[in-house]
N, C-alpha and C. Protein backbone atom coordinates (compact mmCIF):
# COMPACT_ATOMS: atom_id res chain seq x y z
N MET A 1 -8.45 71.50 -36.32
CA MET A 1 -8.99 71.76 -37.76
C MET A 1 -9.77 70.44 -38.11
N PHE A 2 -9.17 69.33 -38.04
CA PHE A 2 -9.71 67.92 -38.48
C PHE A 2 -11.04 67.73 -37.70
N VAL A 3 -11.07 67.94 -36.28
CA VAL A 3 -12.29 67.87 -35.57
C VAL A 3 -13.42 68.73 -35.94
N LYS A 4 -13.09 69.92 -36.45
CA LYS A 4 -14.05 71.01 -36.85
C LYS A 4 -14.68 70.49 -37.96
N LYS A 5 -13.91 70.06 -38.99
CA LYS A 5 -14.43 69.53 -40.27
C LYS A 5 -15.56 68.34 -39.95
N ILE A 6 -15.10 67.42 -39.17
CA ILE A 6 -16.10 66.26 -38.76
C ILE A 6 -17.29 66.86 -38.20
N PHE A 7 -17.15 67.93 -37.23
CA PHE A 7 -18.32 68.54 -36.55
C PHE A 7 -19.25 69.10 -37.66
N ASN A 8 -18.71 69.95 -38.54
CA ASN A 8 -19.57 70.44 -39.64
C ASN A 8 -20.32 69.48 -40.42
N ARG A 9 -19.53 68.40 -40.86
CA ARG A 9 -20.22 67.28 -41.51
C ARG A 9 -21.25 66.62 -40.82
N ILE A 10 -21.33 66.56 -39.67
CA ILE A 10 -22.21 65.86 -38.72
C ILE A 10 -23.51 66.78 -38.79
N HIS A 11 -23.20 68.02 -38.70
CA HIS A 11 -24.44 68.91 -38.79
C HIS A 11 -25.01 69.12 -40.05
N ASN A 12 -24.35 68.73 -41.22
CA ASN A 12 -24.84 68.72 -42.53
C ASN A 12 -25.44 67.50 -42.74
N GLY A 13 -25.76 66.52 -41.77
CA GLY A 13 -26.40 65.24 -41.96
C GLY A 13 -25.77 64.14 -42.80
N GLU A 14 -24.57 64.07 -42.56
CA GLU A 14 -23.65 63.01 -43.51
C GLU A 14 -23.66 61.68 -42.79
N GLY A 15 -24.54 61.36 -41.88
CA GLY A 15 -24.56 59.96 -41.54
C GLY A 15 -24.25 59.77 -40.08
N LYS A 16 -24.64 58.45 -39.38
CA LYS A 16 -24.52 58.18 -38.19
C LYS A 16 -23.04 57.61 -38.09
N GLU A 17 -22.36 57.10 -39.15
CA GLU A 17 -20.98 56.72 -39.00
C GLU A 17 -20.29 57.80 -38.59
N LEU A 18 -20.35 59.01 -39.18
CA LEU A 18 -19.40 60.05 -38.76
C LEU A 18 -19.63 60.53 -37.43
N ASN A 19 -20.98 60.43 -36.99
CA ASN A 19 -21.31 60.75 -35.54
C ASN A 19 -20.53 59.94 -34.80
N THR A 20 -20.69 58.50 -34.89
CA THR A 20 -19.97 57.63 -34.01
C THR A 20 -18.58 57.79 -33.99
N ALA A 21 -17.83 58.07 -35.13
CA ALA A 21 -16.48 58.34 -35.13
C ALA A 21 -16.02 59.48 -34.44
N PHE A 22 -17.01 60.63 -34.50
CA PHE A 22 -16.63 61.77 -33.74
C PHE A 22 -16.61 61.52 -32.32
N ILE A 23 -17.55 60.74 -31.77
CA ILE A 23 -17.67 60.44 -30.38
C ILE A 23 -16.63 59.54 -30.03
N LEU A 24 -16.16 58.66 -30.75
CA LEU A 24 -15.01 57.65 -30.38
C LEU A 24 -13.66 58.72 -30.27
N ILE A 25 -13.45 59.58 -31.23
CA ILE A 25 -12.25 60.46 -31.14
C ILE A 25 -12.48 61.34 -29.96
N LEU A 26 -13.51 61.88 -29.57
CA LEU A 26 -13.60 62.72 -28.36
C LEU A 26 -13.29 61.72 -27.02
N LEU A 27 -13.73 60.52 -27.12
CA LEU A 27 -13.60 59.74 -25.88
C LEU A 27 -12.02 59.41 -25.87
N GLY A 28 -11.42 59.17 -27.05
CA GLY A 28 -9.96 58.72 -26.97
C GLY A 28 -9.13 60.00 -26.61
N ILE A 29 -9.54 61.16 -26.99
CA ILE A 29 -8.90 62.40 -26.38
C ILE A 29 -8.97 62.57 -24.86
N ILE A 30 -10.18 62.37 -24.45
CA ILE A 30 -10.50 62.39 -23.18
C ILE A 30 -9.52 61.40 -22.19
N ILE A 31 -9.61 60.36 -22.76
CA ILE A 31 -8.79 59.08 -22.06
C ILE A 31 -7.47 59.50 -22.05
N VAL A 32 -6.72 59.78 -23.12
CA VAL A 32 -5.38 60.08 -23.37
C VAL A 32 -4.96 61.20 -22.38
N SER A 33 -5.80 62.22 -22.34
CA SER A 33 -5.58 63.51 -21.47
C SER A 33 -5.75 63.16 -20.05
N ALA A 34 -6.61 62.36 -19.78
CA ALA A 34 -6.77 62.02 -18.28
C ALA A 34 -5.49 61.10 -17.84
N SER A 35 -5.14 60.29 -18.79
CA SER A 35 -3.88 59.37 -18.51
C SER A 35 -2.72 60.14 -18.35
N GLY A 36 -2.45 61.10 -19.11
CA GLY A 36 -1.36 62.10 -19.20
C GLY A 36 -1.25 62.92 -17.80
N ILE A 37 -2.41 63.38 -17.49
CA ILE A 37 -2.51 64.17 -16.16
C ILE A 37 -2.20 63.18 -14.98
N ARG A 38 -2.76 62.11 -15.04
CA ARG A 38 -2.49 61.06 -13.89
C ARG A 38 -1.04 60.87 -13.85
N LEU A 39 -0.47 60.53 -15.01
CA LEU A 39 1.09 60.28 -15.05
C LEU A 39 1.88 61.44 -14.72
N TYR A 40 1.47 62.59 -14.99
CA TYR A 40 2.23 63.76 -14.48
C TYR A 40 2.19 63.89 -12.92
N GLN A 41 1.10 63.55 -12.34
CA GLN A 41 0.69 63.54 -10.89
C GLN A 41 1.77 62.71 -10.13
N VAL A 42 1.75 61.54 -10.82
CA VAL A 42 2.57 60.43 -10.14
C VAL A 42 4.03 60.75 -10.10
N LEU A 43 4.44 61.40 -11.31
CA LEU A 43 5.86 61.65 -11.48
C LEU A 43 6.38 62.95 -10.73
N PHE A 44 5.36 63.86 -10.67
CA PHE A 44 5.82 65.12 -10.19
C PHE A 44 4.90 65.59 -9.07
N ASP A 45 4.16 64.85 -8.40
CA ASP A 45 3.33 65.38 -7.29
C ASP A 45 4.35 65.52 -6.12
N GLU A 46 4.25 66.83 -5.72
CA GLU A 46 5.32 67.27 -4.57
C GLU A 46 5.02 66.48 -3.28
N THR A 47 3.85 66.12 -3.08
CA THR A 47 3.49 65.59 -1.79
C THR A 47 3.93 64.08 -1.44
N GLU A 48 4.44 63.44 -2.65
CA GLU A 48 4.72 62.08 -2.65
C GLU A 48 6.38 61.78 -2.43
N ALA A 49 7.05 62.97 -2.32
CA ALA A 49 8.50 62.71 -2.31
C ALA A 49 8.91 62.03 -0.99
N PRO A 50 9.56 60.89 -1.15
CA PRO A 50 9.88 60.12 0.12
C PRO A 50 11.17 60.68 0.72
N LEU A 51 11.23 60.60 2.13
CA LEU A 51 12.49 61.15 2.86
C LEU A 51 13.81 60.11 2.37
N PHE A 52 13.49 58.94 2.35
CA PHE A 52 14.54 57.92 2.16
C PHE A 52 14.48 57.16 0.93
N LEU A 53 15.63 56.80 0.34
CA LEU A 53 15.64 56.01 -0.78
C LEU A 53 14.91 54.65 -0.59
N GLN A 54 13.96 54.50 -1.36
CA GLN A 54 13.07 53.16 -1.28
C GLN A 54 13.61 51.98 -2.02
N GLN A 55 13.78 50.85 -0.98
CA GLN A 55 14.19 49.62 -1.55
C GLN A 55 13.62 48.51 -0.55
N GLU A 56 13.70 47.26 -0.99
CA GLU A 56 13.12 46.27 -0.24
C GLU A 56 13.78 46.21 1.19
N GLY A 57 13.06 45.91 2.21
CA GLY A 57 13.62 45.79 3.41
C GLY A 57 13.70 47.00 4.30
N LEU A 58 13.17 48.22 3.69
CA LEU A 58 13.29 49.53 4.35
C LEU A 58 12.10 49.45 5.57
N VAL A 59 12.58 49.68 6.88
CA VAL A 59 11.72 49.80 7.85
C VAL A 59 11.77 51.20 8.34
N GLN A 60 10.64 51.96 8.70
CA GLN A 60 10.65 53.21 9.19
C GLN A 60 10.07 53.40 10.56
N VAL A 61 10.76 53.94 11.49
CA VAL A 61 10.45 54.00 12.93
C VAL A 61 10.47 55.49 13.40
N ALA A 62 10.09 55.70 14.63
CA ALA A 62 10.07 56.97 15.06
C ALA A 62 11.29 57.26 16.02
N THR A 63 11.86 56.36 16.67
CA THR A 63 12.81 56.54 17.69
C THR A 63 14.20 55.45 17.41
N TYR A 64 15.17 55.88 17.97
CA TYR A 64 16.38 54.89 17.83
C TYR A 64 16.09 53.63 18.68
N GLU A 65 15.38 53.71 19.66
CA GLU A 65 15.05 52.45 20.55
C GLU A 65 14.36 51.50 19.64
N GLN A 66 13.47 51.90 18.88
CA GLN A 66 12.73 51.09 18.04
C GLN A 66 13.69 50.55 16.89
N ALA A 67 14.55 51.42 16.41
CA ALA A 67 15.29 50.95 15.37
C ALA A 67 16.16 49.77 15.75
N GLN A 68 16.65 49.80 17.03
CA GLN A 68 17.55 48.99 17.64
C GLN A 68 17.05 47.54 17.53
N ASN A 69 15.64 47.27 17.47
CA ASN A 69 15.15 46.10 17.23
C ASN A 69 15.34 45.29 15.89
N TYR A 70 15.85 46.29 14.91
CA TYR A 70 16.13 45.66 13.54
C TYR A 70 17.66 45.70 13.25
N LEU A 71 18.34 46.31 14.05
CA LEU A 71 19.93 46.46 13.91
C LEU A 71 20.67 45.29 14.57
N GLU A 72 21.69 45.02 13.91
CA GLU A 72 22.61 43.90 14.37
C GLU A 72 23.82 44.42 15.14
N GLN A 73 23.91 45.83 15.11
CA GLN A 73 24.89 46.66 15.93
C GLN A 73 24.56 47.88 16.30
N ASP A 74 25.20 48.40 17.27
CA ASP A 74 24.76 49.72 17.86
C ASP A 74 25.72 50.86 17.22
N TYR A 75 24.91 51.98 16.89
CA TYR A 75 25.60 53.05 16.33
C TYR A 75 25.52 54.45 17.29
N PRO A 76 26.63 55.22 17.23
CA PRO A 76 26.72 56.37 18.10
C PRO A 76 25.84 57.51 17.41
N LEU A 77 25.13 58.28 18.22
CA LEU A 77 24.27 59.29 17.48
C LEU A 77 24.89 60.66 17.89
N PRO A 78 24.69 61.61 17.21
CA PRO A 78 25.12 62.95 17.32
C PRO A 78 24.48 63.49 18.68
N THR A 79 25.08 64.20 19.50
CA THR A 79 24.60 64.88 20.64
C THR A 79 24.46 66.39 20.54
N GLU A 80 25.12 66.95 19.64
CA GLU A 80 24.97 68.26 19.26
C GLU A 80 23.98 68.43 18.04
N LEU A 81 22.85 68.94 18.35
CA LEU A 81 21.81 68.87 17.33
C LEU A 81 21.36 70.21 16.86
N PHE A 82 21.64 71.38 17.40
CA PHE A 82 21.38 72.77 16.86
C PHE A 82 19.97 72.80 16.91
N ASP A 83 19.40 72.41 17.96
CA ASP A 83 17.80 72.55 18.19
C ASP A 83 16.94 71.74 17.15
N SER A 84 17.55 70.87 16.50
CA SER A 84 16.84 69.83 15.58
C SER A 84 16.36 68.70 16.33
N SER A 85 15.55 67.82 15.85
CA SER A 85 15.16 66.55 16.49
C SER A 85 15.06 65.37 15.42
N ILE A 86 14.82 64.23 15.98
CA ILE A 86 14.72 63.15 15.13
C ILE A 86 13.25 63.22 14.55
N SER A 87 13.14 63.24 13.10
CA SER A 87 11.77 63.13 12.52
C SER A 87 11.42 61.81 12.22
N VAL A 88 12.39 60.98 11.58
CA VAL A 88 11.98 59.55 11.30
C VAL A 88 13.26 58.90 11.04
N ILE A 89 13.24 57.57 11.26
CA ILE A 89 14.56 56.78 10.96
C ILE A 89 14.14 55.50 10.15
N GLY A 90 15.18 55.18 9.33
CA GLY A 90 14.96 54.16 8.51
C GLY A 90 16.08 53.12 8.84
N VAL A 91 15.71 51.95 8.72
CA VAL A 91 16.68 50.80 8.76
C VAL A 91 16.52 49.81 7.62
N TYR A 92 17.44 49.61 6.96
CA TYR A 92 17.53 48.78 5.81
C TYR A 92 17.81 47.22 6.25
N THR A 93 16.91 46.34 6.34
CA THR A 93 16.99 45.17 7.07
C THR A 93 17.37 44.03 5.88
N GLU A 94 17.61 44.46 4.73
CA GLU A 94 17.86 43.42 3.66
C GLU A 94 18.95 44.01 2.68
N ALA A 95 19.88 43.30 2.31
CA ALA A 95 20.83 43.85 1.21
C ALA A 95 20.21 43.87 0.03
N ALA A 96 20.36 44.99 -0.82
CA ALA A 96 19.68 45.30 -2.00
C ALA A 96 20.59 46.17 -2.85
N GLU A 97 20.12 46.70 -3.91
CA GLU A 97 20.95 47.31 -5.04
C GLU A 97 21.60 48.56 -4.38
N TYR A 98 21.10 49.34 -3.45
CA TYR A 98 21.88 50.47 -3.07
C TYR A 98 22.43 50.33 -1.76
N TYR A 99 21.79 49.79 -0.80
CA TYR A 99 22.19 49.88 0.75
C TYR A 99 22.22 48.34 1.15
N ASP A 100 23.35 48.12 2.01
CA ASP A 100 23.58 46.70 2.49
C ASP A 100 22.56 46.66 3.69
N GLN A 101 22.54 45.40 4.19
CA GLN A 101 21.74 45.04 5.37
C GLN A 101 22.50 45.83 6.59
N ASP A 102 21.59 46.27 7.55
CA ASP A 102 21.96 47.06 8.78
C ASP A 102 22.51 48.53 8.34
N THR A 103 22.16 48.95 7.30
CA THR A 103 22.30 50.47 7.00
C THR A 103 21.16 51.33 7.91
N LEU A 104 21.61 52.35 8.37
CA LEU A 104 20.67 53.05 9.22
C LEU A 104 20.55 54.60 8.67
N VAL A 105 19.56 55.12 8.58
CA VAL A 105 19.44 56.61 8.14
C VAL A 105 18.51 57.24 9.04
N ILE A 106 18.98 58.52 9.52
CA ILE A 106 17.95 59.31 10.45
C ILE A 106 18.00 60.70 9.73
N ALA A 107 16.69 61.23 9.76
CA ALA A 107 16.38 62.43 9.22
C ALA A 107 15.98 63.32 10.42
N TYR A 108 16.90 64.42 10.67
CA TYR A 108 16.68 65.32 11.74
C TYR A 108 15.91 66.58 11.19
N GLU A 109 14.95 67.02 11.90
CA GLU A 109 14.16 68.05 11.54
C GLU A 109 14.42 69.39 12.30
N LYS A 110 14.13 70.43 11.67
CA LYS A 110 14.19 71.76 12.31
C LYS A 110 13.25 72.79 11.68
N ASN A 111 12.41 73.30 12.33
CA ASN A 111 11.58 74.39 11.82
C ASN A 111 10.70 74.08 10.66
N GLY A 112 10.33 72.63 10.67
CA GLY A 112 9.28 72.15 9.60
C GLY A 112 10.14 71.73 8.35
N TRP A 113 11.38 71.63 8.55
CA TRP A 113 12.12 71.18 7.26
C TRP A 113 13.22 70.17 7.64
N ARG A 114 13.62 69.25 6.94
CA ARG A 114 14.80 68.36 7.10
C ARG A 114 15.95 69.19 7.26
N PHE A 115 16.79 69.00 8.39
CA PHE A 115 17.93 69.78 8.69
C PHE A 115 19.19 69.07 8.38
N VAL A 116 19.35 67.98 8.80
CA VAL A 116 20.47 67.06 8.32
C VAL A 116 20.03 65.54 8.28
N GLN A 117 20.53 64.94 7.27
CA GLN A 117 20.47 63.43 7.24
C GLN A 117 21.75 62.78 7.61
N VAL A 118 21.54 61.75 8.52
CA VAL A 118 22.77 61.10 9.11
C VAL A 118 22.61 59.62 8.45
N LEU A 119 23.56 59.10 7.80
CA LEU A 119 23.60 57.93 7.23
C LEU A 119 24.73 56.89 7.68
N TYR A 120 24.44 55.74 8.23
CA TYR A 120 25.42 54.86 8.70
C TYR A 120 25.59 53.67 7.69
N VAL A 121 26.70 53.58 7.04
CA VAL A 121 26.76 52.55 6.19
C VAL A 121 27.95 51.33 6.73
N PRO A 122 27.51 50.33 7.07
CA PRO A 122 28.44 49.40 7.54
C PRO A 122 29.29 48.56 6.62
N ASN A 123 30.37 48.07 7.25
CA ASN A 123 31.22 47.17 6.46
C ASN A 123 31.59 47.81 5.03
N THR A 124 32.22 48.93 5.14
CA THR A 124 32.66 49.68 3.98
C THR A 124 33.89 50.47 4.34
N SER A 125 34.50 51.10 3.40
CA SER A 125 35.57 52.00 3.59
C SER A 125 35.25 53.31 3.05
N ILE A 126 36.10 54.33 3.48
CA ILE A 126 35.90 55.68 2.95
C ILE A 126 36.13 55.90 1.63
N GLU A 127 36.96 55.17 1.13
CA GLU A 127 37.40 55.35 -0.37
C GLU A 127 36.29 54.73 -1.17
N LYS A 128 35.66 53.70 -0.76
CA LYS A 128 34.60 53.22 -1.51
C LYS A 128 33.42 54.09 -1.42
N GLU A 129 33.17 54.71 -0.30
CA GLU A 129 31.91 55.60 -0.24
C GLU A 129 32.22 56.86 -1.14
N LEU A 130 33.30 57.35 -0.99
CA LEU A 130 33.84 58.41 -1.89
C LEU A 130 33.67 58.42 -3.32
N ASN A 131 33.88 57.17 -3.83
CA ASN A 131 33.75 56.82 -5.20
C ASN A 131 32.27 56.87 -5.63
N LYS A 132 31.31 56.91 -4.77
CA LYS A 132 29.90 56.92 -5.10
C LYS A 132 29.40 58.54 -5.50
N TYR A 133 30.43 59.53 -5.23
CA TYR A 133 30.11 60.92 -5.33
C TYR A 133 30.73 61.40 -6.68
N ILE A 134 29.82 62.27 -7.36
CA ILE A 134 30.39 62.96 -8.49
C ILE A 134 30.50 64.47 -7.83
N ALA A 135 31.49 64.90 -7.31
CA ALA A 135 31.44 65.97 -6.37
C ALA A 135 32.06 67.15 -7.14
N LYS A 136 31.48 68.24 -6.83
CA LYS A 136 31.90 69.63 -7.20
C LYS A 136 33.23 69.82 -6.67
N ALA A 137 33.41 69.60 -5.35
CA ALA A 137 34.65 69.73 -4.65
C ALA A 137 34.80 68.94 -3.26
N VAL A 138 35.99 68.56 -3.00
CA VAL A 138 36.22 67.71 -1.77
C VAL A 138 37.22 68.43 -0.89
N GLU A 139 36.87 68.45 0.40
CA GLU A 139 37.82 69.23 1.37
C GLU A 139 37.98 68.15 2.42
N THR A 140 39.35 67.99 2.96
CA THR A 140 39.46 67.04 4.07
C THR A 140 39.34 67.95 5.43
N VAL A 141 38.75 67.28 6.43
CA VAL A 141 38.38 68.01 7.67
C VAL A 141 38.95 66.97 8.68
N SER A 142 39.47 67.58 9.97
CA SER A 142 40.02 66.59 10.93
C SER A 142 38.87 66.61 11.98
N ILE A 143 38.37 65.35 12.32
CA ILE A 143 37.25 65.12 13.19
C ILE A 143 37.76 64.29 14.33
N ASN A 144 38.10 64.82 15.37
CA ASN A 144 38.55 63.91 16.55
C ASN A 144 39.61 62.90 16.15
N GLU A 145 40.61 63.41 15.61
CA GLU A 145 41.98 62.80 15.10
C GLU A 145 41.76 61.67 13.82
N ALA A 146 40.43 61.88 13.31
CA ALA A 146 40.06 61.16 12.16
C ALA A 146 40.11 61.96 10.86
N THR A 147 40.31 61.50 9.77
CA THR A 147 40.22 62.46 8.45
C THR A 147 38.96 62.20 7.99
N ALA A 148 38.10 63.18 7.90
CA ALA A 148 36.82 63.21 7.10
C ALA A 148 36.82 63.96 5.93
N TYR A 149 35.91 63.79 5.03
CA TYR A 149 35.87 64.41 3.75
C TYR A 149 34.52 65.21 3.65
N LEU A 150 34.42 66.66 3.19
CA LEU A 150 33.48 67.29 3.07
C LEU A 150 33.34 67.44 1.53
N VAL A 151 32.23 66.96 1.06
CA VAL A 151 31.83 66.95 -0.48
C VAL A 151 30.87 67.84 -0.86
N ASP A 152 31.04 68.61 -1.67
CA ASP A 152 30.13 69.62 -2.35
C ASP A 152 29.49 68.82 -3.34
N VAL A 153 28.16 68.38 -3.22
CA VAL A 153 27.62 67.55 -4.17
C VAL A 153 26.94 68.28 -5.44
N VAL A 154 26.28 69.26 -5.05
CA VAL A 154 25.55 69.91 -6.23
C VAL A 154 25.86 71.45 -6.52
N GLY A 155 26.66 71.93 -5.56
CA GLY A 155 27.15 73.41 -5.77
C GLY A 155 26.02 74.30 -5.46
N GLU A 156 25.65 75.30 -6.12
CA GLU A 156 24.63 76.21 -5.78
C GLU A 156 23.09 75.70 -6.07
N TYR A 157 23.06 74.71 -6.89
CA TYR A 157 21.84 74.39 -7.45
C TYR A 157 21.04 73.36 -6.61
N TYR A 158 19.88 73.65 -6.12
CA TYR A 158 19.07 72.63 -5.40
C TYR A 158 17.70 73.04 -5.48
N GLN A 159 16.85 72.14 -5.26
CA GLN A 159 15.26 72.27 -5.22
C GLN A 159 14.66 71.91 -3.86
N CYS A 160 13.62 72.46 -3.45
CA CYS A 160 12.93 72.21 -2.27
C CYS A 160 11.47 71.89 -2.63
N ILE A 161 10.99 70.98 -1.66
CA ILE A 161 9.61 70.72 -1.74
C ILE A 161 8.92 70.86 -0.34
N GLU A 162 8.02 71.74 -0.27
CA GLU A 162 7.34 71.80 1.03
C GLU A 162 6.34 70.77 1.23
N SER A 163 6.31 70.35 2.45
CA SER A 163 5.41 69.30 2.73
C SER A 163 3.93 69.71 2.85
N GLN A 164 3.10 68.68 2.50
CA GLN A 164 1.68 69.08 2.64
C GLN A 164 0.88 68.27 3.68
N THR A 165 1.93 67.37 4.27
CA THR A 165 1.34 66.44 5.32
C THR A 165 1.90 66.76 6.78
N GLU A 166 0.94 66.89 7.63
CA GLU A 166 1.36 67.20 9.03
C GLU A 166 2.27 66.18 9.73
N GLY A 167 3.27 66.58 10.15
CA GLY A 167 4.33 65.62 10.73
C GLY A 167 5.47 65.22 9.93
N ILE A 168 5.34 65.68 8.68
CA ILE A 168 6.47 65.09 7.66
C ILE A 168 7.10 66.32 7.26
N PRO A 169 8.43 66.52 7.42
CA PRO A 169 9.17 67.85 7.03
C PRO A 169 9.19 68.24 5.62
N GLY A 170 9.41 69.30 5.19
CA GLY A 170 9.70 69.56 3.90
C GLY A 170 11.24 69.13 3.62
N ILE A 171 11.54 69.00 2.32
CA ILE A 171 12.97 68.55 2.22
C ILE A 171 13.39 69.34 0.77
N CYS A 172 14.70 69.51 0.88
CA CYS A 172 15.52 70.09 -0.23
C CYS A 172 16.58 69.03 -0.79
N THR A 173 17.02 69.21 -1.95
CA THR A 173 18.11 68.39 -2.26
C THR A 173 19.36 68.35 -1.31
N LEU A 174 19.82 67.22 -1.15
CA LEU A 174 21.11 67.26 -0.09
C LEU A 174 22.21 67.66 -0.85
N THR A 175 22.67 68.82 -0.40
CA THR A 175 23.81 69.64 -1.17
C THR A 175 25.17 69.38 -0.73
N ARG A 176 25.40 69.02 0.41
CA ARG A 176 26.74 68.89 1.07
C ARG A 176 26.87 67.64 1.98
N SER A 177 27.93 66.73 1.81
CA SER A 177 28.01 65.73 2.72
C SER A 177 29.31 65.56 3.32
N LEU A 178 29.39 65.17 4.74
CA LEU A 178 30.58 64.97 5.43
C LEU A 178 30.74 63.42 5.63
N LEU A 179 31.66 62.85 5.17
CA LEU A 179 31.87 61.54 5.18
C LEU A 179 33.03 61.17 6.29
N LEU A 180 32.60 60.27 7.32
CA LEU A 180 33.39 60.31 8.48
C LEU A 180 33.57 58.80 8.84
N PRO A 181 34.84 58.30 8.71
CA PRO A 181 35.14 56.84 9.04
C PRO A 181 34.91 56.60 10.55
N TYR A 182 34.36 55.44 10.85
CA TYR A 182 34.18 55.10 12.22
C TYR A 182 34.11 53.47 12.37
N GLU A 183 35.26 52.97 12.78
CA GLU A 183 35.56 51.57 12.91
C GLU A 183 35.35 51.14 11.31
N ASP A 184 34.46 50.08 11.17
CA ASP A 184 34.13 49.47 9.78
C ASP A 184 32.94 50.06 9.16
N THR A 185 32.65 51.27 9.78
CA THR A 185 31.41 52.17 9.21
C THR A 185 31.80 53.31 8.69
N VAL A 186 31.10 53.95 7.66
CA VAL A 186 31.30 55.27 7.28
C VAL A 186 30.05 56.03 7.61
N ILE A 187 30.11 57.02 8.31
CA ILE A 187 28.95 57.84 8.80
C ILE A 187 28.81 59.16 7.81
N VAL A 188 27.74 59.27 7.12
CA VAL A 188 27.41 60.28 6.23
C VAL A 188 26.48 61.35 6.58
N LEU A 189 27.02 62.59 7.07
CA LEU A 189 26.09 63.66 7.44
C LEU A 189 25.89 64.58 6.30
N SER A 190 24.61 64.75 5.91
CA SER A 190 24.39 65.45 4.60
C SER A 190 23.37 66.58 5.02
N ALA A 191 23.67 67.82 4.48
CA ALA A 191 22.94 69.08 4.68
C ALA A 191 21.74 69.13 3.80
N ASP A 192 20.69 69.46 4.08
CA ASP A 192 19.41 69.63 3.52
C ASP A 192 19.45 71.03 2.82
N GLY A 193 19.62 71.11 1.56
CA GLY A 193 19.66 72.32 0.94
C GLY A 193 20.68 73.35 1.57
N PRO A 194 20.03 74.40 1.92
CA PRO A 194 20.90 75.43 2.63
C PRO A 194 20.67 75.54 4.21
N ASN A 195 19.89 74.36 4.69
CA ASN A 195 19.46 74.46 6.10
C ASN A 195 20.38 74.08 7.10
N ALA A 196 21.64 73.42 6.76
CA ALA A 196 22.83 73.30 7.67
C ALA A 196 23.98 73.95 7.00
N SER A 197 24.81 74.47 7.84
CA SER A 197 26.09 75.00 7.26
C SER A 197 27.24 74.01 7.54
N ASN A 198 28.27 74.22 6.80
CA ASN A 198 29.50 73.20 6.95
C ASN A 198 29.84 73.01 8.44
N GLY A 199 29.97 74.34 9.11
CA GLY A 199 30.40 74.22 10.49
C GLY A 199 29.39 73.34 11.29
N GLU A 200 27.97 73.48 11.16
CA GLU A 200 27.13 72.61 11.72
C GLU A 200 27.32 71.12 11.54
N LEU A 201 27.66 70.72 10.22
CA LEU A 201 27.86 69.39 9.94
C LEU A 201 29.11 68.89 10.83
N ILE A 202 30.01 69.72 10.69
CA ILE A 202 31.38 69.30 11.47
C ILE A 202 31.16 69.19 12.87
N THR A 203 30.50 70.11 13.50
CA THR A 203 30.11 70.13 14.88
C THR A 203 29.26 68.75 15.45
N MET A 204 28.33 68.43 14.42
CA MET A 204 27.62 67.46 14.64
C MET A 204 28.35 66.18 14.60
N ALA A 205 29.27 66.07 13.55
CA ALA A 205 30.08 64.94 13.31
C ALA A 205 31.15 64.67 14.74
N LYS A 206 31.59 65.75 15.08
CA LYS A 206 32.45 65.69 16.22
C LYS A 206 31.69 64.99 17.34
N SER A 207 30.39 65.45 17.71
CA SER A 207 29.74 65.04 18.68
C SER A 207 29.27 63.50 18.61
N ILE A 208 29.37 62.93 17.36
CA ILE A 208 29.08 61.56 17.32
C ILE A 208 30.22 60.73 17.74
N THR A 209 31.55 61.08 17.59
CA THR A 209 32.66 60.13 17.83
C THR A 209 33.35 60.66 19.18
N ASN A 210 32.95 61.71 19.67
CA ASN A 210 33.72 62.24 20.92
C ASN A 210 32.90 61.67 22.15
N LYS A 211 33.02 60.41 22.31
CA LYS A 211 32.38 59.79 23.45
C LYS A 211 33.32 59.45 24.55
């Protein structure tokens, strides 16, 4: 209504000042609108969701052999993969807010979607890692004589983002995590949305430590 009144006054010949003011107002609206659209795209653009938590020192590679160039220790990998394969591997080479140095994370892909994420957290305890979760439910599971913990992270509510980039899998919220102690490391296997069952997580975990 305000802009309409100015527009009418301009057409009635009430001066260049109003014309200039009207143009400035329009420019302001355009700039604010464009900035808002760009901010929305940055915050919510589905194609920009990263596979891994971003922090200083993260190095991403394609194979475990390449990852070993950045690791100070060797980690056992699962051998039972349910027809999934490694999509990308991340190595955190520096200690920072979320992960310590030498933390390893592997995304396994199946049918164009992340299937399971396997996280290796060094120099920690199962109690410390469990305290990081606000869980819906926790169930104990026996894995090759070790006590593991199956954590329901989000219940039935999750979201999925289909990838728009070739070679990058779509991802869902990590819904369930199996925490397995292994020497001074805790191995966390997490299901991507509904893509891996609890039984598949348990079987993959057993294949890690059954060497």
